[in-house]
PDB file of N, CA and C in Angstrom:
ATOM      1  N   MET A   1     -29.670 -79.252  19.775  1.00  0.00           N
ATOM      2  CA  MET A   1     -31.665 -79.223  18.343  1.00  0.00           C
ATOM      3  C   MET A   1     -31.352 -80.545  17.998  1.00  0.00           C
ATOM      4  N   ASP A   2     -32.989 -80.395  17.778  1.00  0.00           N
ATOM      5  CA  ASP A   2     -33.876 -81.441  16.968  1.00  0.00           C
ATOM      6  C   ASP A   2     -33.558 -81.725  15.452  1.00  0.00           C
ATOM      7  N   THR A   3     -33.406 -82.299  14.832  1.00  0.00           N
ATOM      8  CA  THR A   3     -32.638 -83.024  13.687  1.00  0.00           C
ATOM      9  C   THR A   3     -34.005 -83.864  13.734  1.00  0.00           C
ATOM     10  N   THR A   4     -35.040 -84.033  14.169  1.00  0.00           N
ATOM     11  CA  THR A   4     -36.511 -85.455  13.853  1.00  0.00           C
ATOM     12  C   THR A   4     -36.975 -84.028  12.439  1.00  0.00           C
ATOM     13  N   PRO A   5     -37.768 -85.026  11.912  1.00  0.00           N
ATOM     14  CA  PRO A   5     -38.181 -83.818  10.406  1.00  0.00           C
ATOM     15  C   PRO A   5     -39.350 -83.610  11.120  1.00  0.00           C
ATOM     16  N   ARG A   6     -40.258 -82.541  10.941  1.00  0.00           N
ATOM     17  CA  ARG A   6     -41.359 -81.937  11.421  1.00  0.00           C
ATOM     18  C   ARG A   6     -42.638 -83.137  11.121  1.00  0.00           C
ATOM     19  N   ARG A   7     -43.093 -83.103  11.533  1.00  0.00           N
ATOM     20  CA  ARG A   7     -44.253 -84.178  11.244  1.00  0.00           C
ATOM     21  C   ARG A   7     -45.537 -83.771  11.385  1.00  0.00           C
ATOM     22  N   THR A   8     -46.292 -83.654  10.793  1.00  0.00           N
ATOM     23  CA  THR A   8     -47.868 -82.954  10.322  1.00  0.00           C
ATOM     24  C   THR A   8     -49.068 -83.057   9.892  1.00  0.00           C
ATOM     25  N   LEU A   9     -49.521 -82.793   9.603  1.00  0.00           N
ATOM     26  CA  LEU A   9     -51.540 -83.592   9.708  1.00  0.00           C
ATOM     27  C   LEU A   9     -52.169 -83.253   8.497  1.00  0.00           C
ATOM     28  N   ARG A  10     -51.792 -84.067   7.361  1.00  0.00           N
ATOM     29  CA  ARG A  10     -51.885 -83.273   6.009  1.00  0.00           C
ATOM     30  C   ARG A  10     -53.841 -83.760   5.216  1.00  0.00           C
ATOM     31  N   LEU A  11     -54.425 -82.747   4.868  1.00  0.00           N
ATOM     32  CA  LEU A  11     -56.214 -83.332   4.664  1.00  0.00           C
ATOM     33  C   LEU A  11     -55.462 -83.852   3.208  1.00  0.00           C
ATOM     34  N   LEU A  12     -55.948 -84.815   3.187  1.00  0.00           N
ATOM     35  CA  LEU A  12     -55.985 -85.954   1.612  1.00  0.00           C
ATOM     36  C   LEU A  12     -56.854 -85.125   0.975  1.00  0.00           C
ATOM     37  N   PRO A  13     -56.499 -85.566  -0.835  1.00  0.00           N
ATOM     38  CA  PRO A  13     -57.155 -84.907  -1.838  1.00  0.00           C
ATOM     39  C   PRO A  13     -58.484 -86.297  -2.233  1.00  0.00           C
ATOM     40  N   TRP A  14     -58.807 -86.769  -1.253  1.00  0.00           N
ATOM     41  CA  TRP A  14     -60.127 -88.307  -1.309  1.00  0.00           C
ATOM     42  C   TRP A  14     -60.728 -87.809  -0.021  1.00  0.00           C
ATOM     43  N   THR A  15     -61.531 -88.623   0.219  1.00  0.00           N
ATOM     44  CA  THR A  15     -62.821 -88.730   1.262  1.00  0.00           C
ATOM     45  C   THR A  15     -62.209 -90.159   1.497  1.00  0.00           C
ATOM     46  N   GLY A  16     -62.875 -90.585   3.041  1.00  0.00           N
ATOM     47  CA  GLY A  16     -63.144 -92.035   3.088  1.00  0.00           C
ATOM     48  C   GLY A  16     -64.444 -92.064   3.546  1.00  0.00           C
ATOM     49  N   PRO A  17     -64.967 -93.476   3.731  1.00  0.00           N
ATOM     50  CA  PRO A  17     -66.465 -93.825   4.104  1.00  0.00           C
ATOM     51  C   PRO A  17     -67.182 -92.809   4.488  1.00  0.00           C
ATOM     52  N   GLU A  18     -68.535 -92.430   3.893  1.00  0.00           N
ATOM     53  CA  GLU A  18     -69.260 -91.997   4.098  1.00  0.00           C
ATOM     54  C   GLU A  18     -68.298 -90.184   3.902  1.00  0.00           C
ATOM     55  N   ALA A  19     -68.310 -90.446   3.062  1.00  0.00           N
ATOM     56  CA  ALA A  19     -67.745 -89.134   2.255  1.00  0.00           C
ATOM     57  C   ALA A  19     -66.502 -87.701   3.550  1.00  0.00           C
ATOM     58  N   LYS A  20     -66.485 -88.273   4.792  1.00  0.00           N
ATOM     59  CA  LYS A  20     -65.442 -87.636   5.640  1.00  0.00           C
ATOM     60  C   LYS A  20     -64.110 -87.980   5.144  1.00  0.00           C
ATOM     61  N   PRO A  21     -63.551 -86.779   5.446  1.00  0.00           N
ATOM     62  CA  PRO A  21     -62.285 -86.071   5.428  1.00  0.00           C
ATOM     63  C   PRO A  21     -61.137 -87.764   5.882  1.00  0.00           C
ATOM     64  N   CYS A  22     -60.172 -87.425   4.857  1.00  0.00           N
ATOM     65  CA  CYS A  22     -58.999 -88.325   5.546  1.00  0.00           C
ATOM     66  C   CYS A  22     -57.784 -87.348   5.426  1.00  0.00           C
ATOM     67  N   PHE A  23     -56.995 -87.391   6.644  1.00  0.00           N
ATOM     68  CA  PHE A  23     -55.648 -87.256   7.247  1.00  0.00           C
ATOM     69  C   PHE A  23     -54.947 -88.430   7.169  1.00  0.00           C
ATOM     70  N   LEU A  24     -53.521 -87.633   7.027  1.00  0.00           N
ATOM     71  CA  LEU A  24     -52.106 -88.370   6.885  1.00  0.00           C
ATOM     72  C   LEU A  24     -51.664 -87.571   7.963  1.00  0.00           C
ATOM     73  N   ILE A  25     -50.512 -88.411   9.270  1.00  0.00           N
ATOM     74  CA  ILE A  25     -49.409 -88.069   9.804  1.00  0.00           C
ATOM     75  C   ILE A  25     -48.234 -88.048   9.029  1.00  0.00           C
ATOM     76  N   THR A  26     -47.619 -87.250   8.670  1.00  0.00           N
ATOM     77  CA  THR A  26     -46.927 -87.052   7.407  1.00  0.00           C
ATOM     78  C   THR A  26     -45.563 -86.118   7.714  1.00  0.00           C
ATOM     79  N   ASP A  27     -44.455 -86.850   6.918  1.00  0.00           N
ATOM     80  CA  ASP A  27     -43.261 -85.169   7.152  1.00  0.00           C
ATOM     81  C   ASP A  27     -43.194 -85.017   6.411  1.00  0.00           C
ATOM     82  N   GLY A  28     -44.271 -85.209   4.820  1.00  0.00           N
ATOM     83  CA  GLY A  28     -44.008 -84.868   3.668  1.00  0.00           C
ATOM     84  C   GLY A  28     -43.083 -85.372   2.323  1.00  0.00           C
ATOM     85  N   GLY A  29     -42.269 -87.205   3.008  1.00  0.00           N
ATOM     86  CA  GLY A  29     -41.783 -87.528   2.108  1.00  0.00           C
ATOM     87  C   GLY A  29     -42.503 -88.969   1.800  1.00  0.00           C
ATOM     88  N   GLY A  30     -43.416 -89.722   2.410  1.00  0.00           N
ATOM     89  CA  GLY A  30     -43.752 -91.163   1.820  1.00  0.00           C
ATOM     90  C   GLY A  30     -44.749 -91.256   0.690  1.00  0.00           C
ATOM     91  N   ARG A  31     -45.177 -92.789   0.503  1.00  0.00           N
ATOM     92  CA  ARG A  31     -45.654 -92.764  -0.624  1.00  0.00           C
ATOM     93  C   ARG A  31     -46.950 -92.318  -0.884  1.00  0.00           C
ATOM     94  N   VAL A  32     -47.494 -91.752   0.068  1.00  0.00           N
ATOM     95  CA  VAL A  32     -48.905 -91.911   0.465  1.00  0.00           C
ATOM     96  C   VAL A  32     -49.187 -90.433   0.359  1.00  0.00           C
ATOM     97  N   SER A  33     -48.304 -89.794   0.935  1.00  0.00           N
ATOM     98  CA  SER A  33     -48.016 -87.915   0.474  1.00  0.00           C
ATOM     99  C   SER A  33     -47.979 -87.848  -0.894  1.00  0.00           C
ATOM    100  N   ARG A  34     -46.725 -88.415  -1.262  1.00  0.00           N
ATOM    101  CA  ARG A  34     -46.234 -88.043  -2.947  1.00  0.00           C
ATOM    102  C   ARG A  34     -47.746 -88.824  -4.019  1.00  0.00           C
ATOM    103  N   LEU A  35     -48.573 -89.874  -3.458  1.00  0.00           N
ATOM    104  CA  LEU A  35     -49.330 -89.787  -4.404  1.00  0.00           C
ATOM    105  C   LEU A  35     -50.568 -88.758  -3.869  1.00  0.00           C
ATOM    106  N   ALA A  36     -50.675 -88.588  -3.198  1.00  0.00           N
ATOM    107  CA  ALA A  36     -51.659 -87.080  -2.653  1.00  0.00           C
ATOM    108  C   ALA A  36     -51.212 -86.049  -3.637  1.00  0.00           C
ATOM    109  N   ASP A  37     -50.035 -85.742  -3.211  1.00  0.00           N
ATOM    110  CA  ASP A  37     -50.061 -84.477  -4.509  1.00  0.00           C
ATOM    111  C   ASP A  37     -49.829 -84.434  -5.895  1.00  0.00           C
ATOM    112  N   VAL A  38     -49.869 -86.110  -6.492  1.00  0.00           N
ATOM    113  CA  VAL A  38     -50.279 -86.748  -7.624  1.00  0.00           C
ATOM    114  C   VAL A  38     -51.544 -86.370  -8.317  1.00  0.00           C
ATOM    115  N   THR A  39     -52.801 -86.344  -6.935  1.00  0.00           N
ATOM    116  CA  THR A  39     -54.186 -86.509  -6.829  1.00  0.00           C
ATOM    117  C   THR A  39     -54.110 -85.099  -7.081  1.00  0.00           C
ATOM    118  N   GLU A  40     -53.928 -84.473  -6.785  1.00  0.00           N
ATOM    119  CA  GLU A  40     -53.846 -83.123  -6.423  1.00  0.00           C
ATOM    120  C   GLU A  40     -53.689 -82.834  -7.876  1.00  0.00           C
ATOM    121  N   VAL A  41     -52.694 -82.427  -8.215  1.00  0.00           N
ATOM    122  CA  VAL A  41     -52.387 -81.797  -9.994  1.00  0.00           C
ATOM    123  C   VAL A  41     -53.614 -82.291 -10.730  1.00  0.00           C
ATOM    124  N   THR A  42     -53.867 -83.507 -11.214  1.00  0.00           N
ATOM    125  CA  THR A  42     -54.778 -84.776 -11.497  1.00  0.00           C
ATOM    126  C   THR A  42     -55.789 -83.453 -11.149  1.00  0.00           C
ATOM    127  N   GLN A  43     -56.450 -83.189 -10.002  1.00  0.00           N
ATOM    128  CA  GLN A  43     -58.111 -82.753  -9.615  1.00  0.00           C
ATOM    129  C   GLN A  43     -58.105 -81.217 -10.651  1.00  0.00           C
ATOM    130  N   LEU A  44     -56.946 -80.605  -9.734  1.00  0.00           N
ATOM    131  CA  LEU A  44     -56.705 -79.748 -10.624  1.00  0.00           C
ATOM    132  C   LEU A  44     -56.958 -79.544 -12.117  1.00  0.00           C
ATOM    133  N   ASP A  45     -55.975 -80.783 -12.822  1.00  0.00           N
ATOM    134  CA  ASP A  45     -56.091 -79.977 -13.980  1.00  0.00           C
ATOM    135  C   ASP A  45     -57.604 -80.436 -14.574  1.00  0.00           C
ATOM    136  N   MET A  46     -58.148 -82.165 -14.429  1.00  0.00           N
ATOM    137  CA  MET A  46     -59.365 -82.338 -14.769  1.00  0.00           C
ATOM    138  C   MET A  46     -60.546 -81.220 -14.330  1.00  0.00           C
ATOM    139  N   GLY A  47     -60.110 -80.152 -13.102  1.00  0.00           N
ATOM    140  CA  GLY A  47     -61.478 -79.234 -13.393  1.00  0.00           C
ATOM    141  C   GLY A  47     -61.219 -77.732 -14.142  1.00  0.00           C
ATOM    142  N   THR A  48     -59.571 -77.610 -14.626  1.00  0.00           N
ATOM    143  CA  THR A  48     -59.066 -76.806 -15.559  1.00  0.00           C
ATOM    144  C   THR A  48     -59.877 -77.132 -17.208  1.00  0.00           C
ATOM    145  N   ARG A  49     -59.766 -78.146 -17.163  1.00  0.00           N
ATOM    146  CA  ARG A  49     -60.420 -78.873 -18.916  1.00  0.00           C
ATOM    147  C   ARG A  49     -62.061 -79.328 -18.442  1.00  0.00           C
ATOM    148  N   LEU A  50     -62.155 -79.874 -17.315  1.00  0.00           N
ATOM    149  CA  LEU A  50     -63.876 -79.480 -17.039  1.00  0.00           C
ATOM    150  C   LEU A  50     -64.168 -78.221 -17.753  1.00  0.00           C
ATOM    151  N   LEU A  51     -63.657 -77.324 -16.984  1.00  0.00           N
ATOM    152  CA  LEU A  51     -64.177 -76.260 -17.035  1.00  0.00           C
ATOM    153  C   LEU A  51     -64.355 -75.575 -18.765  1.00  0.00           C
ATOM    154  N   ALA A  52     -62.994 -76.149 -18.993  1.00  0.00           N
ATOM    155  CA  ALA A  52     -62.599 -75.477 -21.007  1.00  0.00           C
ATOM    156  C   ALA A  52     -64.024 -76.379 -21.333  1.00  0.00           C
ATOM    157  N   HIS A  53     -64.919 -77.321 -21.157  1.00  0.00           N
ATOM    158  CA  HIS A  53     -65.613 -77.632 -21.798  1.00  0.00           C
ATOM    159  C   HIS A  53     -66.352 -77.237 -22.065  1.00  0.00           C
ATOM    160  N   ALA A  54     -67.385 -76.511 -20.421  1.00  0.00           N
ATOM    161  CA  ALA A  54     -68.344 -76.010 -20.121  1.00  0.00           C
ATOM    162  C   ALA A  54     -68.988 -74.827 -20.733  1.00  0.00           C
ATOM    163  N   ASP A  55     -67.249 -73.932 -20.928  1.00  0.00           N
ATOM    164  CA  ASP A  55     -67.438 -72.965 -22.356  1.00  0.00           C
ATOM    165  C   ASP A  55     -67.635 -73.374 -23.177  1.00  0.00           C
ATOM    166  N   GLU A  56     -67.348 -74.548 -24.036  1.00  0.00           N
ATOM    167  CA  GLU A  56     -68.097 -75.179 -25.351  1.00  0.00           C
ATOM    168  C   GLU A  56     -69.303 -75.196 -25.353  1.00  0.00           C
ATOM    169  N   LEU A  57     -69.694 -75.951 -24.133  1.00  0.00           N
ATOM    170  CA  LEU A  57     -70.996 -76.714 -24.356  1.00  0.00           C
ATOM    171  C   LEU A  57     -72.245 -75.957 -23.691  1.00  0.00           C
ATOM    172  N   LEU A  58     -72.426 -74.706 -23.368  1.00  0.00           N
ATOM    173  CA  LEU A  58     -73.249 -74.056 -22.241  1.00  0.00           C
ATOM    174  C   LEU A  58     -73.688 -73.469 -23.496  1.00  0.00           C
ATOM    175  N   PRO A  59     -73.462 -72.720 -25.109  1.00  0.00           N
ATOM    176  CA  PRO A  59     -74.228 -72.158 -25.535  1.00  0.00           C
ATOM    177  C   PRO A  59     -75.196 -72.532 -26.166  1.00  0.00           C
ATOM    178  N   ASP A  60     -74.872 -73.874 -26.552  1.00  0.00           N
ATOM    179  CA  ASP A  60     -76.355 -75.021 -27.089  1.00  0.00           C
ATOM    180  C   ASP A  60     -76.122 -76.373 -25.933  1.00  0.00           C
ATOM    181  N   ALA A  61     -76.307 -76.822 -25.284  1.00  0.00           N
ATOM    182  CA  ALA A  61     -76.304 -77.968 -23.957  1.00  0.00           C
ATOM    183  C   ALA A  61     -78.205 -78.180 -24.108  1.00  0.00           C
ATOM    184  N   THR A  62     -78.778 -79.498 -24.592  1.00  0.00           N
ATOM    185  CA  THR A  62     -79.379 -79.718 -23.529  1.00  0.00           C
ATOM    186  C   THR A  62     -79.550 -79.551 -22.401  1.00  0.00           C
ATOM    187  N   GLU A  63     -80.962 -79.719 -21.599  1.00  0.00           N
ATOM    188  CA  GLU A  63     -81.185 -79.702 -20.356  1.00  0.00           C
ATOM    189  C   GLU A  63     -80.561 -80.678 -19.343  1.00  0.00           C
ATOM    190  N   SER A  64     -80.576 -82.572 -20.287  1.00  0.00           N
ATOM    191  CA  SER A  64     -79.699 -83.569 -19.907  1.00  0.00           C
ATOM    192  C   SER A  64     -78.323 -83.231 -20.001  1.00  0.00           C
ATOM    193  N   GLN A  65     -77.617 -82.756 -20.579  1.00  0.00           N
ATOM    194  CA  GLN A  65     -76.262 -81.867 -20.964  1.00  0.00           C
ATOM    195  C   GLN A  65     -76.045 -81.084 -19.538  1.00  0.00           C
ATOM    196  N   LEU A  66     -76.793 -80.387 -19.236  1.00  0.00           N
ATOM    197  CA  LEU A  66     -76.597 -79.229 -18.082  1.00  0.00           C
ATOM    198  C   LEU A  66     -76.637 -79.969 -17.224  1.00  0.00           C
ATOM    199  N   ARG A  67     -77.206 -80.771 -16.751  1.00  0.00           N
ATOM    200  CA  ARG A  67     -77.972 -81.230 -15.325  1.00  0.00           C
ATOM    201  C   ARG A  67     -76.684 -81.797 -15.312  1.00  0.00           C
ATOM    202  N   PHE A  68     -75.430 -83.464 -16.298  1.00  0.00           N
ATOM    203  CA  PHE A  68     -74.445 -83.852 -16.332  1.00  0.00           C
ATOM    204  C   PHE A  68     -73.641 -82.650 -16.557  1.00  0.00           C
ATOM    205  N   LEU A  69     -73.440 -81.718 -16.307  1.00  0.00           N
ATOM    206  CA  LEU A  69     -72.230 -80.982 -16.341  1.00  0.00           C
ATOM    207  C   LEU A  69     -71.940 -80.112 -14.951  1.00  0.00           C
ATOM    208  N   ALA A  70     -73.404 -79.574 -14.322  1.00  0.00           N
ATOM    209  CA  ALA A  70     -74.136 -79.171 -13.010  1.00  0.00           C
ATOM    210  C   ALA A  70     -73.458 -80.088 -11.897  1.00  0.00           C
ATOM    211  N   GLU A  71     -73.165 -81.739 -12.239  1.00  0.00           N
ATOM    212  CA  GLU A  71     -72.965 -82.642 -11.486  1.00  0.00           C
ATOM    213  C   GLU A  71     -71.085 -82.478 -11.472  1.00  0.00           C
ATOM    214  N   ARG A  72     -71.091 -82.853 -12.864  1.00  0.00           N
ATOM    215  CA  ARG A  72     -69.443 -82.787 -12.540  1.00  0.00           C
ATOM    216  C   ARG A  72     -68.935 -81.566 -12.514  1.00  0.00           C
ATOM    217  N   LEU A  73     -69.114 -80.916 -12.453  1.00  0.00           N
ATOM    218  CA  LEU A  73     -68.588 -79.059 -12.097  1.00  0.00           C
ATOM    219  C   LEU A  73     -68.538 -78.926 -10.632  1.00  0.00           C
ATOM    220  N   THR A  74     -69.222 -79.819 -10.174  1.00  0.00           N
ATOM    221  CA  THR A  74     -70.102 -79.368  -8.408  1.00  0.00           C
ATOM    222  C   THR A  74     -68.710 -80.429  -8.300  1.00  0.00           C
ATOM    223  N   GLU A  75     -68.684 -81.864  -8.305  1.00  0.00           N
ATOM    224  CA  GLU A  75     -67.336 -82.958  -8.496  1.00  0.00           C
ATOM    225  C   GLU A  75     -66.252 -82.052  -8.263  1.00  0.00           C
ATOM    226  N   ALA A  76     -65.715 -81.208  -9.500  1.00  0.00           N
ATOM    227  CA  ALA A  76     -64.822 -80.444  -9.352  1.00  0.00           C
ATOM    228  C   ALA A  76     -64.545 -79.670  -8.289  1.00  0.00           C
ATOM    229  N   LEU A  77     -65.294 -78.785  -8.152  1.00  0.00           N
ATOM    230  CA  LEU A  77     -65.203 -77.347  -6.872  1.00  0.00           C
ATOM    231  C   LEU A  77     -65.209 -78.414  -6.226  1.00  0.00           C
ATOM    232  N   ARG A  78     -65.830 -79.411  -5.996  1.00  0.00           N
ATOM    233  CA  ARG A  78     -65.423 -79.875  -3.976  1.00  0.00           C
ATOM    234  C   ARG A  78     -63.771 -80.340  -3.922  1.00  0.00           C
ATOM    235  N   ASP A  79     -63.283 -81.292  -5.328  1.00  0.00           N
ATOM    236  CA  ASP A  79     -61.889 -81.677  -5.200  1.00  0.00           C
ATOM    237  C   ASP A  79     -60.714 -79.845  -5.284  1.00  0.00           C
ATOM    238  N   VAL A  80     -61.013 -79.026  -5.600  1.00  0.00           N
ATOM    239  CA  VAL A  80     -60.311 -78.430  -6.246  1.00  0.00           C
ATOM    240  C   VAL A  80     -60.467 -77.392  -4.174  1.00  0.00           C
ATOM    241  N   LEU A  81     -61.808 -77.342  -3.661  1.00  0.00           N
ATOM    242  CA  LEU A  81     -61.939 -76.494  -2.782  1.00  0.00           C
ATOM    243  C   LEU A  81     -61.580 -77.026  -1.345  1.00  0.00           C
ATOM    244  N   ARG A  82     -61.116 -78.832  -1.828  1.00  0.00           N
ATOM    245  CA  ARG A  82     -59.995 -79.761  -0.593  1.00  0.00           C
ATOM    246  C   ARG A  82     -58.706 -79.956  -1.236  1.00  0.00           C
ATOM    247  N   VAL A  83     -58.453 -79.244  -1.685  1.00  0.00           N
ATOM    248  CA  VAL A  83     -56.811 -78.857  -2.543  1.00  0.00           C
ATOM    249  C   VAL A  83     -56.548 -77.748  -2.108  1.00  0.00           C
ATOM    250  N   ALA A  84     -57.541 -76.488  -2.333  1.00  0.00           N
ATOM    251  CA  ALA A  84     -56.916 -75.745  -1.398  1.00  0.00           C
ATOM    252  C   ALA A  84     -57.324 -75.195   0.036  1.00  0.00           C
ATOM    253  N   GLU A  85     -57.826 -76.152   0.312  1.00  0.00           N
ATOM    254  CA  GLU A  85     -57.845 -76.161   2.512  1.00  0.00           C
ATOM    255  C   GLU A  85     -56.441 -76.316   2.389  1.00  0.00           C
ATOM    256  N   SER A  86     -56.242 -77.637   1.770  1.00  0.00           N
ATOM    257  CA  SER A  86     -55.261 -78.893   2.500  1.00  0.00           C
ATOM    258  C   SER A  86     -53.960 -77.986   2.543  1.00  0.00           C
ATOM    259  N   ARG A  87     -53.850 -77.215   0.828  1.00  0.00           N
ATOM    260  CA  ARG A  87     -52.453 -76.655   0.951  1.00  0.00           C
ATOM    261  C   ARG A  87     -52.365 -75.363   1.513  1.00  0.00           C
ATOM    262  N   GLY A  88     -53.621 -75.350   1.656  1.00  0.00           N
ATOM    263  CA  GLY A  88     -53.477 -73.518   2.826  1.00  0.00           C
ATOM    264  C   GLY A  88     -53.295 -74.001   4.518  1.00  0.00           C
ATOM    265  N   ARG A  89     -53.914 -75.265   4.787  1.00  0.00           N
ATOM    266  CA  ARG A  89     -52.936 -76.349   6.291  1.00  0.00           C
ATOM    267  C   ARG A  89     -51.572 -76.306   5.568  1.00  0.00           C
ATOM    268  N   ARG A  90     -50.991 -76.857   5.123  1.00  0.00           N
ATOM    269  CA  ARG A  90     -49.216 -76.711   4.914  1.00  0.00           C
ATOM    270  C   ARG A  90     -49.134 -75.772   5.186  1.00  0.00           C
ATOM    271  N   ASN A  91     -49.236 -74.735   4.147  1.00  0.00           N
ATOM    272  CA  ASN A  91     -48.923 -73.460   4.711  1.00  0.00           C
ATOM    273  C   ASN A  91     -48.809 -72.471   5.593  1.00  0.00           C
ATOM    274  N   GLY A  92     -49.360 -73.016   6.698  1.00  0.00           N
ATOM    275  CA  GLY A  92     -50.312 -72.506   7.701  1.00  0.00           C
ATOM    276  C   GLY A  92     -50.417 -70.949   8.009  1.00  0.00           C
ATOM    277  N   GLN A  93     -51.686 -71.430   6.938  1.00  0.00           N
ATOM    278  CA  GLN A  93     -53.109 -70.351   6.483  1.00  0.00           C
ATOM    279  C   GLN A  93     -54.117 -71.017   7.323  1.00  0.00           C
TER     280      GLN A  93
END
């Protein structure tokens, strides 16, 4: 019986040069993997807070505020989609 931890390819929640995806070969327990876990939680929390802020801001927002908000929401959506893809890969979906 092989007792070696199974190593997998993990999509990290940040990008590398030229916005290319970053991957980690991991068994799930190393420092970079733990940092990625914390980063994912932070990104999801920031997306939730940004969405709440958008709900408050939208009724009376100026054009420049709307542009800024759209840029931040785009960034947050990109982060959340990367987290979802990474978690889907790890769950074998």
